[in-house]
Amino acid sequence: MHHTSTLTCPKCGHRQTEQMPDNACVYFYECRDCHTLLRPKPGDCCVFCSYGDVPCPPIQAGDGTASRCC
């Protein structure tokens, strides 16, 4: 199981590696470069699943809750 993911801002392309929580969804993330507020895409549970190179831990675990992780 991976606990870090690199988020890529869709507006400016800035990449930032962040620690993912094991037991909570991250619904908002502010890009450190352009300050755009990222939100999950429709159907994704969190910003890591939408903009990260690794999905959040509950999705990685394949616990059957692909539409929501927490």
PDB file of N, CA and C in Angstrom:
ATOM      1  N   MET A   1       0.854  -1.176   0.000  1.00  0.00           N
ATOM      2  CA  MET A   1       0.000   0.000   0.000  1.00  0.00           C
ATOM      3  C   MET A   1       0.894   1.232   0.000  1.00  0.00           C
ATOM      4  N   HIS A   2       0.559   2.178  -0.883  1.00  0.00           N
ATOM      5  CA  HIS A   2       1.294   3.440  -0.967  1.00  0.00           C
ATOM      6  C   HIS A   2       0.572   4.490  -0.131  1.00  0.00           C
ATOM      7  N   HIS A   3       1.335   5.304   0.579  1.00  0.00           N
ATOM      8  CA  HIS A   3       0.745   6.342   1.421  1.00  0.00           C
ATOM      9  C   HIS A   3       1.129   7.739   0.974  1.00  0.00           C
ATOM     10  N   THR A   4       1.794   7.846  -0.174  1.00  0.00           N
ATOM     11  CA  THR A   4       2.068   9.152  -0.767  1.00  0.00           C
ATOM     12  C   THR A   4       1.591   9.132  -2.213  1.00  0.00           C
ATOM     13  N   SER A   5       1.221  10.301  -2.690  1.00  0.00           N
ATOM     14  CA  SER A   5       0.769  10.443  -4.068  1.00  0.00           C
ATOM     15  C   SER A   5       1.218  11.808  -4.558  1.00  0.00           C
ATOM     16  N   THR A   6       1.574  11.888  -5.817  1.00  0.00           N
ATOM     17  CA  THR A   6       1.957  13.164  -6.402  1.00  0.00           C
ATOM     18  C   THR A   6       0.758  13.732  -7.136  1.00  0.00           C
ATOM     19  N   LEU A   7       0.260  14.859  -6.628  1.00  0.00           N
ATOM     20  CA  LEU A   7      -0.870  15.541  -7.235  1.00  0.00           C
ATOM     21  C   LEU A   7      -0.363  16.455  -8.343  1.00  0.00           C
ATOM     22  N   THR A   8      -1.087  16.498  -9.463  1.00  0.00           N
ATOM     23  CA  THR A   8      -0.755  17.389 -10.569  1.00  0.00           C
ATOM     24  C   THR A   8      -1.902  18.347 -10.782  1.00  0.00           C
ATOM     25  N   CYS A   9      -1.620  19.638 -10.679  1.00  0.00           N
ATOM     26  CA  CYS A   9      -2.650  20.660 -10.869  1.00  0.00           C
ATOM     27  C   CYS A   9      -3.055  20.694 -12.343  1.00  0.00           C
ATOM     28  N   PRO A  10      -4.368  20.598 -12.617  1.00  0.00           N
ATOM     29  CA  PRO A  10      -4.818  20.616 -14.012  1.00  0.00           C
ATOM     30  C   PRO A  10      -4.713  22.000 -14.643  1.00  0.00           C
ATOM     31  N   LYS A  11      -4.585  23.029 -13.828  1.00  0.00           N
ATOM     32  CA  LYS A  11      -4.512  24.395 -14.362  1.00  0.00           C
ATOM     33  C   LYS A  11      -3.090  24.782 -14.764  1.00  0.00           C
ATOM     34  N   CYS A  12      -2.116  24.542 -13.866  1.00  0.00           N
ATOM     35  CA  CYS A  12      -0.755  25.009 -14.128  1.00  0.00           C
ATOM     36  C   CYS A  12       0.264  23.887 -14.304  1.00  0.00           C
ATOM     37  N   GLY A  13      -0.127  22.647 -13.983  1.00  0.00           N
ATOM     38  CA  GLY A  13       0.770  21.514 -14.142  1.00  0.00           C
ATOM     39  C   GLY A  13       1.749  21.300 -13.000  1.00  0.00           C
ATOM     40  N   HIS A  14       1.656  22.114 -11.947  1.00  0.00           N
ATOM     41  CA  HIS A  14       2.548  21.950 -10.786  1.00  0.00           C
ATOM     42  C   HIS A  14       2.318  20.584 -10.158  1.00  0.00           C
ATOM     43  N   ARG A  15       3.414  19.937  -9.764  1.00  0.00           N
ATOM     44  CA  ARG A  15       3.337  18.611  -9.135  1.00  0.00           C
ATOM     45  C   ARG A  15       3.835  18.723  -7.705  1.00  0.00           C
ATOM     46  N   GLN A  16       3.097  18.114  -6.786  1.00  0.00           N
ATOM     47  CA  GLN A  16       3.448  18.141  -5.369  1.00  0.00           C
ATOM     48  C   GLN A  16       3.145  16.775  -4.766  1.00  0.00           C
ATOM     49  N   THR A  17       4.138  16.187  -4.120  1.00  0.00           N
ATOM     50  CA  THR A  17       3.939  14.904  -3.447  1.00  0.00           C
ATOM     51  C   THR A  17       3.416  15.158  -2.045  1.00  0.00           C
ATOM     52  N   GLU A  18       2.340  14.461  -1.698  1.00  0.00           N
ATOM     53  CA  GLU A  18       1.672  14.644  -0.404  1.00  0.00           C
ATOM     54  C   GLU A  18       1.419  13.296   0.254  1.00  0.00           C
ATOM     55  N   GLN A  19       1.340  13.320   1.554  1.00  0.00           N
ATOM     56  CA  GLN A  19       0.975  12.158   2.360  1.00  0.00           C
ATOM     57  C   GLN A  19      -0.542  12.003   2.317  1.00  0.00           C
ATOM     58  N   MET A  20      -1.021  10.779   2.116  1.00  0.00           N
ATOM     59  CA  MET A  20      -2.467  10.531   2.099  1.00  0.00           C
ATOM     60  C   MET A  20      -2.915   9.973   3.445  1.00  0.00           C
ATOM     61  N   PRO A  21      -4.042  10.454   3.970  1.00  0.00           N
ATOM     62  CA  PRO A  21      -4.565   9.876   5.206  1.00  0.00           C
ATOM     63  C   PRO A  21      -5.133   8.481   4.952  1.00  0.00           C
ATOM     64  N   ASP A  22      -5.046   7.625   5.952  1.00  0.00           N
ATOM     65  CA  ASP A  22      -5.580   6.263   5.830  1.00  0.00           C
ATOM     66  C   ASP A  22      -7.092   6.202   5.983  1.00  0.00           C
ATOM     67  N   ASN A  23      -7.647   7.141   6.735  1.00  0.00           N
ATOM     68  CA  ASN A  23      -9.044   6.994   7.137  1.00  0.00           C
ATOM     69  C   ASN A  23      -9.903   8.226   6.866  1.00  0.00           C
ATOM     70  N   ALA A  24      -9.507   9.066   5.913  1.00  0.00           N
ATOM     71  CA  ALA A  24     -10.303  10.250   5.599  1.00  0.00           C
ATOM     72  C   ALA A  24     -10.103  10.625   4.138  1.00  0.00           C
ATOM     73  N   CYS A  25     -11.149  11.127   3.530  1.00  0.00           N
ATOM     74  CA  CYS A  25     -11.056  11.629   2.168  1.00  0.00           C
ATOM     75  C   CYS A  25     -10.578  13.071   2.205  1.00  0.00           C
ATOM     76  N   VAL A  26      -9.812  13.459   1.205  1.00  0.00           N
ATOM     77  CA  VAL A  26      -9.371  14.845   1.073  1.00  0.00           C
ATOM     78  C   VAL A  26     -10.186  15.444  -0.073  1.00  0.00           C
ATOM     79  N   TYR A  27     -11.150  16.284   0.285  1.00  0.00           N
ATOM     80  CA  TYR A  27     -12.071  16.842  -0.700  1.00  0.00           C
ATOM     81  C   TYR A  27     -11.535  18.099  -1.366  1.00  0.00           C
ATOM     82  N   PHE A  28     -10.646  18.825  -0.687  1.00  0.00           N
ATOM     83  CA  PHE A  28     -10.112  20.070  -1.222  1.00  0.00           C
ATOM     84  C   PHE A  28      -8.605  20.085  -1.074  1.00  0.00           C
ATOM     85  N   TYR A  29      -7.939  20.628  -2.082  1.00  0.00           N
ATOM     86  CA  TYR A  29      -6.488  20.776  -2.035  1.00  0.00           C
ATOM     87  C   TYR A  29      -6.135  22.034  -2.823  1.00  0.00           C
ATOM     88  N   GLU A  30      -5.362  22.918  -2.211  1.00  0.00           N
ATOM     89  CA  GLU A  30      -4.951  24.142  -2.884  1.00  0.00           C
ATOM     90  C   GLU A  30      -3.581  23.949  -3.515  1.00  0.00           C
ATOM     91  N   CYS A  31      -3.498  24.198  -4.824  1.00  0.00           N
ATOM     92  CA  CYS A  31      -2.223  24.106  -5.531  1.00  0.00           C
ATOM     93  C   CYS A  31      -1.244  25.100  -4.913  1.00  0.00           C
ATOM     94  N   ARG A  32      -0.055  24.638  -4.622  1.00  0.00           N
ATOM     95  CA  ARG A  32       0.939  25.499  -3.982  1.00  0.00           C
ATOM     96  C   ARG A  32       1.551  26.511  -4.945  1.00  0.00           C
ATOM     97  N   ASP A  33       1.322  26.322  -6.249  1.00  0.00           N
ATOM     98  CA  ASP A  33       1.894  27.237  -7.229  1.00  0.00           C
ATOM     99  C   ASP A  33       0.890  28.311  -7.644  1.00  0.00           C
ATOM    100  N   CYS A  34      -0.259  27.905  -8.201  1.00  0.00           N
ATOM    101  CA  CYS A  34      -1.230  28.880  -8.722  1.00  0.00           C
ATOM    102  C   CYS A  34      -2.409  29.123  -7.771  1.00  0.00           C
ATOM    103  N   HIS A  35      -2.485  28.363  -6.686  1.00  0.00           N
ATOM    104  CA  HIS A  35      -3.511  28.501  -5.639  1.00  0.00           C
ATOM    105  C   HIS A  35      -4.920  28.120  -6.102  1.00  0.00           C
ATOM    106  N   THR A  36      -5.018  27.363  -7.183  1.00  0.00           N
ATOM    107  CA  THR A  36      -6.309  26.835  -7.608  1.00  0.00           C
ATOM    108  C   THR A  36      -6.776  25.818  -6.574  1.00  0.00           C
ATOM    109  N   LEU A  37      -8.054  25.873  -6.220  1.00  0.00           N
ATOM    110  CA  LEU A  37      -8.621  24.919  -5.273  1.00  0.00           C
ATOM    111  C   LEU A  37      -9.115  23.702  -6.047  1.00  0.00           C
ATOM    112  N   LEU A  38      -8.465  22.570  -5.836  1.00  0.00           N
ATOM    113  CA  LEU A  38      -8.854  21.329  -6.507  1.00  0.00           C
ATOM    114  C   LEU A  38      -9.941  20.632  -5.712  1.00  0.00           C
ATOM    115  N   ARG A  39     -10.896  20.073  -6.441  1.00  0.00           N
ATOM    116  CA  ARG A  39     -11.979  19.272  -5.865  1.00  0.00           C
ATOM    117  C   ARG A  39     -12.032  17.966  -6.639  1.00  0.00           C
ATOM    118  N   PRO A  40     -12.554  16.906  -6.034  1.00  0.00           N
ATOM    119  CA  PRO A  40     -12.644  15.631  -6.781  1.00  0.00           C
ATOM    120  C   PRO A  40     -13.486  15.776  -8.040  1.00  0.00           C
ATOM    121  N   LYS A  41     -13.097  15.049  -9.078  1.00  0.00           N
ATOM    122  CA  LYS A  41     -13.906  14.986 -10.293  1.00  0.00           C
ATOM    123  C   LYS A  41     -15.161  14.167  -9.999  1.00  0.00           C
ATOM    124  N   PRO A  42     -16.242  14.374 -10.755  1.00  0.00           N
ATOM    125  CA  PRO A  42     -17.458  13.580 -10.540  1.00  0.00           C
ATOM    126  C   PRO A  42     -17.145  12.081 -10.573  1.00  0.00           C
ATOM    127  N   GLY A  43     -17.619  11.373  -9.572  1.00  0.00           N
ATOM    128  CA  GLY A  43     -17.411   9.933  -9.484  1.00  0.00           C
ATOM    129  C   GLY A  43     -16.193   9.529  -8.674  1.00  0.00           C
ATOM    130  N   ASP A  44     -15.300  10.473  -8.382  1.00  0.00           N
ATOM    131  CA  ASP A  44     -14.127  10.184  -7.555  1.00  0.00           C
ATOM    132  C   ASP A  44     -14.406  10.593  -6.113  1.00  0.00           C
ATOM    133  N   CYS A  45     -13.745   9.896  -5.187  1.00  0.00           N
ATOM    134  CA  CYS A  45     -14.002  10.145  -3.771  1.00  0.00           C
ATOM    135  C   CYS A  45     -13.149  11.262  -3.194  1.00  0.00           C
ATOM    136  N   CYS A  46     -11.993  11.539  -3.819  1.00  0.00           N
ATOM    137  CA  CYS A  46     -11.090  12.533  -3.239  1.00  0.00           C
ATOM    138  C   CYS A  46     -10.140  13.086  -4.301  1.00  0.00           C
ATOM    139  N   VAL A  47      -9.385  14.122  -3.940  1.00  0.00           N
ATOM    140  CA  VAL A  47      -8.456  14.735  -4.890  1.00  0.00           C
ATOM    141  C   VAL A  47      -7.338  13.786  -5.295  1.00  0.00           C
ATOM    142  N   PHE A  48      -6.959  12.851  -4.428  1.00  0.00           N
ATOM    143  CA  PHE A  48      -5.908  11.900  -4.788  1.00  0.00           C
ATOM    144  C   PHE A  48      -6.362  10.971  -5.907  1.00  0.00           C
ATOM    145  N   CYS A  49      -7.618  10.576  -5.879  1.00  0.00           N
ATOM    146  CA  CYS A  49      -8.142   9.713  -6.940  1.00  0.00           C
ATOM    147  C   CYS A  49      -8.318  10.482  -8.251  1.00  0.00           C
ATOM    148  N   SER A  50      -8.554  11.794  -8.173  1.00  0.00           N
ATOM    149  CA  SER A  50      -8.734  12.607  -9.372  1.00  0.00           C
ATOM    150  C   SER A  50      -7.431  13.121  -9.972  1.00  0.00           C
ATOM    151  N   TYR A  51      -6.495  13.551  -9.128  1.00  0.00           N
ATOM    152  CA  TYR A  51      -5.311  14.257  -9.628  1.00  0.00           C
ATOM    153  C   TYR A  51      -3.991  13.628  -9.205  1.00  0.00           C
ATOM    154  N   GLY A  52      -4.044  12.541  -8.454  1.00  0.00           N
ATOM    155  CA  GLY A  52      -2.824  11.910  -7.981  1.00  0.00           C
ATOM    156  C   GLY A  52      -2.342  10.802  -8.888  1.00  0.00           C
ATOM    157  N   ASP A  53      -1.074  10.450  -8.734  1.00  0.00           N
ATOM    158  CA  ASP A  53      -0.534   9.330  -9.504  1.00  0.00           C
ATOM    159  C   ASP A  53      -0.784   7.996  -8.810  1.00  0.00           C
ATOM    160  N   VAL A  54      -1.283   8.059  -7.568  1.00  0.00           N
ATOM    161  CA  VAL A  54      -1.658   6.867  -6.800  1.00  0.00           C
ATOM    162  C   VAL A  54      -3.014   7.166  -6.157  1.00  0.00           C
ATOM    163  N   PRO A  55      -4.005   6.282  -6.270  1.00  0.00           N
ATOM    164  CA  PRO A  55      -5.296   6.520  -5.625  1.00  0.00           C
ATOM    165  C   PRO A  55      -5.187   6.404  -4.105  1.00  0.00           C
ATOM    166  N   CYS A  56      -6.201   6.866  -3.418  1.00  0.00           N
ATOM    167  CA  CYS A  56      -6.198   6.866  -1.955  1.00  0.00           C
ATOM    168  C   CYS A  56      -6.140   5.434  -1.396  1.00  0.00           C
ATOM    169  N   PRO A  57      -5.676   5.270  -0.152  1.00  0.00           N
ATOM    170  CA  PRO A  57      -5.521   3.932   0.443  1.00  0.00           C
ATOM    171  C   PRO A  57      -6.777   3.055   0.415  1.00  0.00           C
ATOM    172  N   PRO A  58      -7.980   3.569   0.725  1.00  0.00           N
ATOM    173  CA  PRO A  58      -9.148   2.674   0.654  1.00  0.00           C
ATOM    174  C   PRO A  58      -9.403   2.127  -0.746  1.00  0.00           C
ATOM    175  N   ILE A  59      -9.170   2.918  -1.766  1.00  0.00           N
ATOM    176  CA  ILE A  59      -9.352   2.443  -3.134  1.00  0.00           C
ATOM    177  C   ILE A  59      -8.255   1.442  -3.482  1.00  0.00           C
ATOM    178  N   GLN A  60      -7.029   1.713  -3.037  1.00  0.00           N
ATOM    179  CA  GLN A  60      -5.937   0.760  -3.260  1.00  0.00           C
ATOM    180  C   GLN A  60      -6.252  -0.594  -2.634  1.00  0.00           C
ATOM    181  N   ALA A  61      -6.896  -0.558  -1.463  1.00  0.00           N
ATOM    182  CA  ALA A  61      -7.212  -1.785  -0.742  1.00  0.00           C
ATOM    183  C   ALA A  61      -8.298  -2.596  -1.439  1.00  0.00           C
ATOM    184  N   GLY A  62      -9.021  -1.938  -2.357  1.00  0.00           N
ATOM    185  CA  GLY A  62     -10.066  -2.658  -3.097  1.00  0.00           C
ATOM    186  C   GLY A  62     -11.161  -3.153  -2.187  1.00  0.00           C
ATOM    187  N   ASP A  63     -11.584  -2.285  -1.274  1.00  0.00           N
ATOM    188  CA  ASP A  63     -12.583  -2.709  -0.299  1.00  0.00           C
ATOM    189  C   ASP A  63     -14.008  -2.652  -0.817  1.00  0.00           C
ATOM    190  N   GLY A  64     -14.174  -2.471  -2.125  1.00  0.00           N
ATOM    191  CA  GLY A  64     -15.510  -2.517  -2.709  1.00  0.00           C
ATOM    192  C   GLY A  64     -16.271  -1.216  -2.634  1.00  0.00           C
ATOM    193  N   THR A  65     -15.622  -0.128  -2.267  1.00  0.00           N
ATOM    194  CA  THR A  65     -16.308   1.154  -2.176  1.00  0.00           C
ATOM    195  C   THR A  65     -15.711   2.130  -3.182  1.00  0.00           C
ATOM    196  N   ALA A  66     -15.624   1.734  -4.421  1.00  0.00           N
ATOM    197  CA  ALA A  66     -14.965   2.538  -5.453  1.00  0.00           C
ATOM    198  C   ALA A  66     -15.645   3.887  -5.652  1.00  0.00           C
ATOM    199  N   SER A  67     -16.934   4.007  -5.381  1.00  0.00           N
ATOM    200  CA  SER A  67     -17.596   5.307  -5.569  1.00  0.00           C
ATOM    201  C   SER A  67     -17.393   6.229  -4.384  1.00  0.00           C
ATOM    202  N   ARG A  68     -17.015   5.691  -3.270  1.00  0.00           N
ATOM    203  CA  ARG A  68     -16.701   6.534  -2.107  1.00  0.00           C
ATOM    204  C   ARG A  68     -15.719   5.765  -1.236  1.00  0.00           C
ATOM    205  N   CYS A  69     -14.767   6.481  -0.685  1.00  0.00           N
ATOM    206  CA  CYS A  69     -13.743   5.759   0.066  1.00  0.00           C
ATOM    207  C   CYS A  69     -13.946   5.838   1.565  1.00  0.00           C
ATOM    208  N   CYS A  70     -14.628   6.819   2.026  1.00  0.00           N
ATOM    209  CA  CYS A  70     -14.701   6.996   3.486  1.00  0.00           C
ATOM    210  C   CYS A  70     -16.133   7.086   3.960  1.00  0.00           C
TER     211      CYS A  70
END
